[in-house]
Structure formats: C-alpha cells, structure tokens
Amino acid sequence: MIFLDKQPEGQLKEYKTILNMVGSLSNLFSDSTVPYLYYRVAENAFCRAFDAENLSRSDCSADARKNEQGVGLKTFHENNGKTMQKIAEFNKARDIYKQYLNDHKRLILEIANMRNKRIEATKAVHGIDSILYHCVSRKPDEFLVYEQAMDIIDISKIKISKSGGKSGIVYFTDNKNEYSFNISKSTLFKRFCTPANSIKVPIKIISDPFDILLAFFSDSKASVRAAEQKQSVVLPLYSPAKGKVVSKKSGLNQWNAGGRKRKEREVYIPIPAWIHKTFEGFFPSRKTSFKLRLPNGETIDAKVCQDNSKGLMSNPNTDLGEWLLDDILKIAPGKLVTYKLLEEIGIDSVEVEKESEDLFSIYFKDIGSYEDFAVQHKSA
C-alpha cells in the first residue's frame, strides 16, 4: 500500500470501523446483498479517519490531501475484479477535440494531454507531490480496500487496441495501464484490477436499519443542530460580457494593459457588478485588505480593486499572478492567457468562501460553474 501502510494502526482501525458501520446501513438505500457506499460518504469517511483535507470543494483530480499526498477516492462494484471505471469527463472541452472524432489516434493524444494537464494542475494548486487512487470495491458482504498510483498517461507509448466507430469507444494502452474513451459521453475510463493483498472489511447488512435510527434518535438527549452555512460566491476567470473570452488587457492579462507601466505578473480576478449587488457586504471595501487562503494552504494579502470594485487582486499585486500564471497555468511571461488554456485544464472560475471578515478561501471550479451560479443567483 502506498498510503495506508504509513498510517497509524489506530486510524486504520477507525477507518475500517466506519466502513463497516456505513456498509451495515445499506438497506436504507438498496436491498442488494452488495453493501452500498455513496462516494461522498467514502470521501468523508477517509478524511475523518486519516485526518486528511477534503478537496471536494475544488474541481480537480484529487478528492483528499494528507500532507503532500493527493488521493482520488473510487468506490465501485467488484464484479470480476478488473473493471473499467470512469476517471475523467471532457464534455465541456469538446470544442478542443471534436475535429479529431474521425482520427482516433489524434483524438486520444488530445484527451491524454488534457488528462495529464489536469493532474499536474491539481498538484500545483494543492501543493501535492503525487496522487494515488484509493479504491473501495464492493462485493456481497464485503468491502475490498486497495491503492493504485494515479499515473500520468505516457503519450509516447500510446497504442490504440480497439475502436468502435465515430460514436463508439476507443480502447488504448500506454504499456502501463488500460484505458478507454467513450466518444459519445466524452468520458475517460481506466481499468482497475483488485490485487490479492486488498484489505478485507466484512460487512453484515442490518435487515431493518430504520429500527436502529429510530431507537437512537428517541433515546438521544443531544439536540441536532445544523452547522451555520458559510457564504460563498463564484467568480469567472474570463470576461462573461464578451462570452467565453479572457480579455487581452484585463483580468488574467492585466499585465498587458496600457496606461502606466505594468508588472510582469500583475493580474486580477473579475468580480461582476451583480455580485456586489446580490451579495452586498460579502467583500470588504476597497480600503480594507484581507487574507486569501489558497488551496495549497498558503495565504496571501488581498483586496478588491479597480473602478466599481470590479476585481480581486493581491497585495502586492503580483502574488496572485505568480500563483495563477506560474504555478497553475504554467504560462510563460509575455504570453496571453486564453480561454482554450482554461478549457484544457478544466477550470474557468473560482469559488471564494468567506471564513470571517478578514479571511477568505479560494477554490477552482469546473467549466461552466460561474454560468450556473449566475443563473441561480443573478435574478434573485
């Protein structure tokens, strides 16, 4: 095991106990003899047991982080022990590769390149050295737990093994792993093979779990209180007024603006005017600075800037740019950020969460997240 062998025995025991407990309640959701494990529950169980950071707020290739180790959690039906499982979706980046739908080798090269960029971006965003898959395979009366490395696809060794037409499935290998790409669903799959040394967690499914829950809540004197919901907003990394475009002289390309002499990595994240109206008081005034916590745990000084407070900028104003342009987008000085570059990595917006009046956290979001947020809140 890559990760589990390094964890304290007490934490591993707690993790198996939580899995056993959750699996025993499977009849809340299904009458199958195969215990049920919802993927969000699997993420929360892992993070609780091993004191790991849950990355589910960010749209990235890892679900959790413990120190410099990233973890992608997978839970699926065991079947024959060597099943193809979904590892990435590229529907929102279809414009990048749709011209190659009849050229399957070129198509797979584009998909592999985007997959690799997303893994590398996840490492850079969260300060991760490597990522592994943590798998919980489900079979009758048992969970099987094991780990596999989340490998970069070796583009130089890609070999198409089988393809099934324009709307079919393309199977390929890179001499290390087996993959398939479903063209119609824009989804990449990887074959997971259950090893013989998997950790076995026996599951005894309770016939009527409602009796257990009713008894617990009837006898419990503790009041159940919902945690206060933190407020957050989603901001675009592009210019919504211009469509799916990153402005050449503002936002992430502010360093290229005219007027005064600009610093090489000077950027800001656009704050659309309606955000200030709908979420009045969410951001401090322009005169007030605050801490902005990055996904890797570091914090930088920040404030709102520009006319009408239309931007989120760091202080000094190059800190945000060095993180975004150097660490995440890996774009050379003097080169413009484009929307295509954001598409390739799979992010085009950020979520900013208000922890307190002087502390905010920032997370990257999937393609289309700002548009979804605007539809939900703009007319409210």
Protein backbone atom coordinates (compact mmCIF):
# COMPACT_ATOMS: atom_id res chain seq x y z
CA MET A 1 0.00 0.00 0.00
CA ILE A 2 1.31 3.45 -0.92
CA PHE A 3 -0.60 5.47 1.70
CA LEU A 4 -2.28 3.11 4.15
CA ASP A 5 0.93 1.35 5.23
CA LYS A 6 2.22 4.69 6.55
CA GLN A 7 -0.85 5.47 8.68
CA PRO A 8 -1.14 4.79 12.44
CA GLU A 9 -2.81 1.49 13.27
CA GLY A 10 -5.47 3.29 15.31
CA GLN A 11 -6.55 5.41 12.35
CA LEU A 12 -6.67 2.40 10.04
CA LYS A 13 -8.82 0.55 12.59
CA GLU A 14 -11.17 3.53 12.87
CA TYR A 15 -11.44 3.70 9.07
CA LYS A 16 -12.42 0.03 8.83
CA THR A 17 -14.94 0.53 11.65
CA ILE A 18 -16.55 3.47 9.82
CA LEU A 19 -16.74 1.47 6.58
CA ASN A 20 -18.29 -1.44 8.44
CA MET A 21 -20.83 0.86 10.10
CA VAL A 22 -21.81 2.61 6.86
CA GLY A 23 -21.99 -0.66 4.94
CA SER A 24 -24.25 -2.20 7.58
CA LEU A 25 -26.86 0.51 6.84
CA SER A 26 -27.05 -0.41 3.15
CA ASN A 27 -30.71 -1.39 3.36
CA LEU A 28 -31.52 2.30 3.75
CA PHE A 29 -30.75 2.60 0.05
CA SER A 30 -30.88 -0.85 -1.54
CA ASP A 31 -31.99 -4.43 -0.95
CA SER A 32 -28.91 -5.90 -2.65
CA THR A 33 -26.53 -8.27 -0.89
CA VAL A 34 -23.73 -6.00 -2.13
CA PRO A 35 -23.22 -3.29 0.52
CA TYR A 36 -23.78 0.27 -0.67
CA LEU A 37 -21.25 3.10 -0.28
CA TYR A 38 -22.10 6.56 -1.60
CA TYR A 39 -18.99 8.27 -2.95
CA ARG A 40 -19.40 11.41 -0.80
CA VAL A 41 -19.66 9.23 2.29
CA ALA A 42 -16.48 7.41 1.21
CA GLU A 43 -14.66 10.76 0.91
CA ASN A 44 -15.86 11.96 4.32
CA ALA A 45 -15.02 8.65 5.99
CA PHE A 46 -11.48 8.67 4.58
CA CYS A 47 -10.83 12.28 5.60
CA ARG A 48 -12.21 11.79 9.11
CA ALA A 49 -10.28 8.60 9.83
CA PHE A 50 -6.94 9.80 8.48
CA ASP A 51 -7.25 13.49 9.36
CA ALA A 52 -6.97 14.40 5.67
CA GLU A 53 -8.16 17.56 3.97
CA ASN A 54 -11.31 17.11 1.90
CA LEU A 55 -10.84 18.66 -1.55
CA SER A 56 -14.38 18.02 -2.80
CA ARG A 57 -15.00 21.79 -2.95
CA SER A 58 -12.41 22.07 -5.72
CA ASP A 59 -12.97 20.59 -9.16
CA CYS A 60 -9.71 18.68 -9.50
CA SER A 61 -8.19 15.22 -9.92
CA ALA A 62 -7.86 14.58 -6.17
CA ASP A 63 -10.60 14.23 -3.55
CA ALA A 64 -8.36 14.50 -0.49
CA ARG A 65 -4.89 15.56 0.62
CA LYS A 66 -2.73 14.40 3.51
CA ASN A 67 0.47 16.43 3.70
CA GLU A 68 1.93 16.29 0.15
CA GLN A 69 -0.01 13.17 -0.85
CA GLY A 70 -3.10 13.56 -3.03
CA VAL A 71 -5.83 10.91 -3.01
CA GLY A 72 -8.52 10.17 -5.58
CA LEU A 73 -11.24 8.06 -3.99
CA LYS A 74 -13.09 5.43 -6.03
CA THR A 75 -15.90 3.14 -4.95
CA PHE A 76 -17.44 0.63 -7.35
CA HIS A 77 -18.93 -2.84 -7.73
CA GLU A 78 -16.27 -5.56 -7.68
CA ASN A 79 -17.81 -7.66 -10.49
CA ASN A 80 -14.93 -9.73 -11.96
CA GLY A 81 -12.23 -7.71 -10.18
CA LYS A 82 -10.94 -5.99 -13.33
CA THR A 83 -13.49 -3.40 -14.34
CA MET A 84 -13.26 -0.16 -16.34
CA GLN A 85 -14.15 2.83 -14.16
CA LYS A 86 -14.69 6.49 -15.04
CA ILE A 87 -11.76 8.75 -14.13
CA ALA A 88 -12.46 11.98 -16.08
CA GLU A 89 -15.05 13.78 -18.19
CA PHE A 90 -14.25 16.07 -21.13
CA ASN A 91 -17.69 17.07 -22.38
CA LYS A 92 -17.07 20.75 -21.64
CA ALA A 93 -13.81 20.66 -23.59
CA ARG A 94 -15.39 19.02 -26.65
CA ASP A 95 -14.62 22.03 -28.88
CA ILE A 96 -10.91 21.29 -28.45
CA TYR A 97 -11.05 17.75 -29.83
CA LYS A 98 -14.25 17.47 -31.89
CA GLN A 99 -12.31 17.92 -35.15
CA TYR A 100 -10.48 14.67 -34.41
CA LEU A 101 -13.51 12.41 -33.95
CA ASN A 102 -12.62 10.52 -37.13
CA ASP A 103 -8.91 10.33 -36.29
CA HIS A 104 -8.85 8.20 -33.17
CA LYS A 105 -5.08 8.32 -32.61
CA ARG A 106 -5.06 12.13 -32.67
CA LEU A 107 -8.24 12.18 -30.55
CA ILE A 108 -6.64 10.04 -27.83
CA LEU A 109 -3.48 12.16 -27.88
CA GLU A 110 -5.61 15.26 -27.19
CA ILE A 111 -7.54 13.53 -24.39
CA ALA A 112 -4.33 12.18 -22.82
CA ASN A 113 -2.72 15.61 -22.98
CA MET A 114 -5.69 17.26 -21.22
CA ARG A 115 -5.81 14.48 -18.62
CA ASN A 116 -2.12 14.98 -17.84
CA LYS A 117 -2.51 18.76 -17.62
CA ARG A 118 -5.36 18.36 -15.14
CA ILE A 119 -3.29 16.06 -12.91
CA GLU A 120 -0.32 18.45 -12.99
CA ALA A 121 -2.62 21.42 -12.29
CA THR A 122 -4.09 19.59 -9.28
CA LYS A 123 -0.59 19.03 -7.89
CA ALA A 124 0.30 22.68 -8.36
CA VAL A 125 -2.96 24.05 -6.93
CA HIS A 126 -2.87 21.96 -3.75
CA GLY A 127 0.87 21.60 -3.16
CA ILE A 128 0.81 17.86 -3.88
CA ASP A 129 3.82 15.76 -4.89
CA SER A 130 1.90 12.70 -6.11
CA ILE A 131 -1.66 11.36 -6.36
CA LEU A 132 -2.95 7.84 -5.82
CA TYR A 133 -6.26 6.08 -6.26
CA HIS A 134 -7.80 4.81 -3.02
CA CYS A 135 -10.33 2.16 -4.06
CA VAL A 136 -13.18 0.59 -2.12
CA SER A 137 -14.52 -2.28 -4.20
CA ARG A 138 -17.90 -3.68 -3.16
CA LYS A 139 -18.92 -7.34 -3.28
CA PRO A 140 -21.52 -9.39 -1.37
CA ASP A 141 -20.95 -8.99 2.39
CA GLU A 142 -17.56 -7.32 1.96
CA PHE A 143 -15.57 -4.22 1.02
CA LEU A 144 -12.11 -4.63 -0.53
CA VAL A 145 -9.74 -1.69 0.01
CA TYR A 146 -6.62 -1.13 -2.09
CA GLU A 147 -4.50 1.59 -3.71
CA GLN A 148 -3.01 2.32 -7.12
CA ALA A 149 -0.83 5.14 -8.39
CA MET A 150 -2.59 7.83 -10.42
CA ASP A 151 -0.15 7.75 -13.32
CA ILE A 152 0.39 10.37 -15.98
CA ILE A 153 -0.53 8.83 -19.35
CA ASP A 154 2.68 8.11 -21.25
CA ILE A 155 1.82 9.82 -24.52
CA SER A 156 4.90 8.46 -26.30
CA LYS A 157 3.71 4.87 -25.74
CA ILE A 158 0.00 5.17 -26.50
CA LYS A 159 -1.29 2.32 -28.63
CA ILE A 160 -4.88 2.03 -29.87
CA SER A 161 -6.06 -1.52 -29.18
CA LYS A 162 -9.64 -1.29 -30.45
CA SER A 163 -12.09 1.37 -31.61
CA GLY A 164 -15.78 1.23 -32.39
CA GLY A 165 -16.76 3.93 -34.85
CA LYS A 166 -17.49 7.65 -34.55
CA SER A 167 -19.83 7.38 -31.56
CA GLY A 168 -18.26 4.25 -30.08
CA ILE A 169 -15.48 3.53 -27.62
CA VAL A 170 -11.74 3.76 -28.24
CA TYR A 171 -9.57 1.38 -26.18
CA PHE A 172 -5.88 2.16 -25.70
CA THR A 173 -2.87 1.42 -23.52
CA ASP A 174 0.37 3.18 -22.64
CA ASN A 175 2.25 -0.01 -21.63
CA LYS A 176 1.34 0.69 -18.01
CA ASN A 177 -2.46 0.99 -17.81
CA GLU A 178 -5.51 0.15 -19.90
CA TYR A 179 -7.90 2.98 -20.80
CA SER A 180 -10.99 3.58 -22.89
CA PHE A 181 -12.61 6.78 -24.12
CA ASN A 182 -16.33 6.87 -24.72
CA ILE A 183 -16.73 9.39 -27.56
CA SER A 184 -20.49 9.96 -27.22
CA LYS A 185 -20.21 10.54 -23.45
CA SER A 186 -16.82 12.34 -23.60
CA THR A 187 -15.66 10.15 -20.70
CA LEU A 188 -12.28 8.56 -19.97
CA PHE A 189 -12.17 5.18 -18.21
CA LYS A 190 -9.31 3.22 -16.64
CA ARG A 191 -9.16 -0.49 -15.80
CA PHE A 192 -8.88 -1.24 -12.08
CA CYS A 193 -7.71 -4.71 -11.09
CA THR A 194 -8.26 -5.80 -7.50
CA PRO A 195 -4.99 -7.13 -6.02
CA ALA A 196 -4.79 -10.23 -3.84
CA ASN A 197 -3.46 -8.21 -0.87
CA SER A 198 -6.53 -5.97 -0.63
CA ILE A 199 -7.71 -5.11 2.87
CA LYS A 200 -10.92 -7.04 3.51
CA VAL A 201 -13.68 -5.35 5.52
CA PRO A 202 -16.53 -7.80 6.31
CA ILE A 203 -19.98 -6.20 6.16
CA LYS A 204 -23.09 -7.54 7.91
CA ILE A 205 -26.05 -5.67 6.48
CA ILE A 206 -28.71 -4.83 9.09
CA SER A 207 -32.08 -6.11 7.91
CA ASP A 208 -34.04 -3.06 9.15
CA PRO A 209 -31.72 -0.11 9.81
CA PHE A 210 -34.69 2.19 10.45
CA ASP A 211 -35.19 0.46 13.82
CA ILE A 212 -31.63 1.39 14.78
CA LEU A 213 -32.06 5.02 13.73
CA LEU A 214 -35.42 5.42 15.41
CA ALA A 215 -34.09 4.00 18.65
CA PHE A 216 -31.05 6.25 18.56
CA PHE A 217 -32.97 9.47 17.99
CA SER A 218 -35.66 8.53 20.50
CA ASP A 219 -33.13 7.89 23.27
CA SER A 220 -30.69 10.65 22.44
CA LYS A 221 -30.91 13.82 24.55
CA ALA A 222 -28.50 15.67 22.34
CA SER A 223 -30.05 18.24 20.03
CA VAL A 224 -29.14 18.03 16.35
CA ARG A 225 -28.04 21.46 15.17
CA ALA A 226 -27.13 22.26 11.58
CA ALA A 227 -23.81 23.98 11.15
CA GLU A 228 -24.00 27.57 10.00
CA GLN A 229 -23.69 27.77 6.24
CA LYS A 230 -20.69 29.74 5.09
CA GLN A 231 -21.38 32.25 2.33
CA SER A 232 -19.52 31.98 -0.96
CA VAL A 233 -19.55 33.42 -4.48
CA VAL A 234 -18.30 32.08 -7.80
CA LEU A 235 -16.15 34.39 -9.94
CA PRO A 236 -15.18 33.90 -13.61
CA LEU A 237 -11.56 33.71 -14.76
CA TYR A 238 -12.72 35.16 -18.07
CA SER A 239 -14.92 38.11 -19.21
CA PRO A 240 -18.58 36.97 -19.25
CA ALA A 241 -19.70 40.16 -21.04
CA LYS A 242 -17.53 39.15 -24.01
CA GLY A 243 -18.52 35.49 -23.98
CA LYS A 244 -16.02 32.68 -23.39
CA VAL A 245 -13.07 35.07 -23.73
CA VAL A 246 -10.20 36.12 -21.48
CA SER A 247 -9.68 39.83 -22.11
CA LYS A 248 -6.29 40.67 -23.61
CA LYS A 249 -5.76 43.73 -21.41
CA SER A 250 -7.59 43.00 -18.14
CA GLY A 251 -8.28 40.20 -15.68
CA LEU A 252 -5.66 37.46 -16.01
CA ASN A 253 -3.97 39.58 -18.70
CA GLN A 254 -3.94 42.82 -16.69
CA TRP A 255 -0.14 42.89 -17.06
CA ASN A 256 -0.77 43.63 -20.77
CA ALA A 257 -2.96 46.71 -20.14
CA GLY A 258 -2.00 50.18 -21.30
CA GLY A 259 -1.58 53.34 -19.25
CA ARG A 260 1.03 53.06 -16.51
CA LYS A 261 3.88 50.60 -16.66
CA ARG A 262 2.63 47.18 -15.58
CA LYS A 263 4.39 44.50 -13.59
CA GLU A 264 5.04 41.21 -15.37
CA ARG A 265 2.64 39.08 -13.29
CA GLU A 266 0.01 41.72 -12.48
CA VAL A 267 -3.47 40.16 -12.63
CA TYR A 268 -6.87 40.32 -11.00
CA ILE A 269 -9.91 38.04 -10.92
CA PRO A 270 -13.04 39.77 -12.30
CA ILE A 271 -15.92 40.48 -9.91
CA PRO A 272 -19.07 41.11 -11.99
CA ALA A 273 -21.10 44.11 -10.78
CA TRP A 274 -24.17 42.00 -9.97
CA ILE A 275 -22.15 40.06 -7.38
CA HIS A 276 -21.73 43.22 -5.28
CA LYS A 277 -25.45 43.98 -5.55
CA THR A 278 -26.75 40.49 -4.83
CA PHE A 279 -24.16 39.70 -2.14
CA GLU A 280 -23.86 43.16 -0.64
CA GLY A 281 -21.18 43.32 2.04
CA PHE A 282 -19.63 39.97 1.10
CA PHE A 283 -16.32 41.60 0.18
CA PRO A 284 -14.79 44.35 2.35
CA SER A 285 -14.46 47.85 0.94
CA ARG A 286 -11.57 48.73 -1.37
CA LYS A 287 -9.70 50.29 1.55
CA THR A 288 -9.76 47.08 3.59
CA SER A 289 -7.31 44.25 2.96
CA PHE A 290 -7.90 40.64 3.98
CA LYS A 291 -6.21 37.25 3.91
CA LEU A 292 -6.91 34.92 0.98
CA ARG A 293 -6.18 31.26 1.68
CA LEU A 294 -5.05 29.31 -1.38
CA PRO A 295 -5.90 25.61 -1.94
CA ASN A 296 -2.32 24.63 -1.02
CA GLY A 297 -2.83 26.09 2.48
CA GLU A 298 -0.76 29.24 1.95
CA THR A 299 -2.29 32.69 2.46
CA ILE A 300 -1.70 35.94 0.61
CA ASP A 301 -2.86 39.50 1.29
CA ALA A 302 -5.72 40.57 -0.97
CA LYS A 303 -8.34 43.27 -1.54
CA VAL A 304 -10.92 44.35 -4.09
CA CYS A 305 -9.64 46.79 -6.69
CA GLN A 306 -10.36 48.69 -9.94
CA ASP A 307 -13.27 51.07 -10.62
CA ASN A 308 -16.53 49.87 -9.06
CA SER A 309 -14.51 47.23 -7.16
CA LYS A 310 -14.59 45.01 -10.24
CA GLY A 311 -11.56 42.90 -9.40
CA LEU A 312 -10.00 40.68 -6.73
CA MET A 313 -6.27 41.43 -6.52
CA SER A 314 -3.41 40.51 -4.22
CA ASN A 315 -1.15 42.92 -2.35
CA PRO A 316 1.48 43.10 -3.77
CA ASN A 317 -0.45 42.68 -6.99
CA THR A 318 1.96 40.11 -8.42
CA ASP A 319 1.43 37.44 -5.74
CA LEU A 320 -1.87 36.29 -7.23
CA GLY A 321 -0.39 36.38 -10.74
CA GLU A 322 2.68 34.36 -9.82
CA TRP A 323 0.46 31.69 -8.29
CA LEU A 324 -2.08 31.61 -11.13
CA LEU A 325 0.22 32.12 -14.13
CA ASP A 326 3.42 30.41 -12.96
CA ASP A 327 2.26 27.63 -10.63
CA ILE A 328 -1.14 26.71 -12.06
CA LEU A 329 -1.36 27.70 -15.72
CA LYS A 330 2.41 27.41 -16.26
CA ILE A 331 2.31 30.13 -18.90
CA ALA A 332 5.47 31.95 -19.98
CA PRO A 333 5.87 35.69 -19.27
CA GLY A 334 4.52 37.80 -22.11
CA LYS A 335 2.10 35.10 -23.31
CA LEU A 336 -1.63 35.83 -23.10
CA VAL A 337 -3.97 33.60 -21.12
CA THR A 338 -6.72 32.25 -23.41
CA TYR A 339 -9.99 30.52 -22.69
CA LYS A 340 -8.70 27.45 -24.54
CA LEU A 341 -5.93 27.13 -21.97
CA LEU A 342 -8.53 27.16 -19.18
CA GLU A 343 -10.56 24.54 -21.07
CA GLU A 344 -7.58 22.22 -21.38
CA ILE A 345 -7.05 22.26 -17.62
CA GLY A 346 -10.80 22.00 -16.98
CA ILE A 347 -11.34 25.17 -14.91
CA ASP A 348 -12.79 28.56 -15.82
CA SER A 349 -13.90 30.01 -12.50
CA VAL A 350 -13.16 30.12 -8.78
CA GLU A 351 -15.30 29.92 -5.66
CA VAL A 352 -14.45 32.40 -2.92
CA GLU A 353 -15.73 31.40 0.52
CA LYS A 354 -15.97 33.84 3.42
CA GLU A 355 -14.44 32.28 6.52
CA SER A 356 -14.55 35.52 8.54
CA GLU A 357 -14.45 39.26 7.91
CA ASP A 358 -10.70 39.15 7.31
CA LEU A 359 -10.19 35.63 5.93
CA PHE A 360 -11.43 34.16 2.65
CA SER A 361 -10.65 30.84 0.92
CA ILE A 362 -10.45 30.26 -2.83
CA TYR A 363 -11.16 27.06 -4.80
CA PHE A 364 -11.01 26.30 -8.53
CA LYS A 365 -14.27 25.30 -10.21
CA ASP A 366 -15.20 23.27 -13.27
CA ILE A 367 -16.02 24.71 -16.70
CA GLY A 368 -19.43 26.40 -16.61
CA SER A 369 -19.57 26.85 -12.82
CA TYR A 370 -19.84 30.65 -12.98
CA GLU A 371 -22.65 30.44 -15.54
CA ASP A 372 -24.56 28.01 -13.32
CA PHE A 373 -24.03 30.29 -10.30
CA ALA A 374 -25.23 33.35 -12.27
CA VAL A 375 -28.39 31.55 -13.43
CA GLN A 376 -29.16 30.59 -9.85
CA HIS A 377 -28.47 33.94 -8.17
CA LYS A 378 -28.35 36.81 -10.66
CA SER A 379 -32.09 37.36 -10.86
CA ALA A 380 -32.67 36.65 -7.19
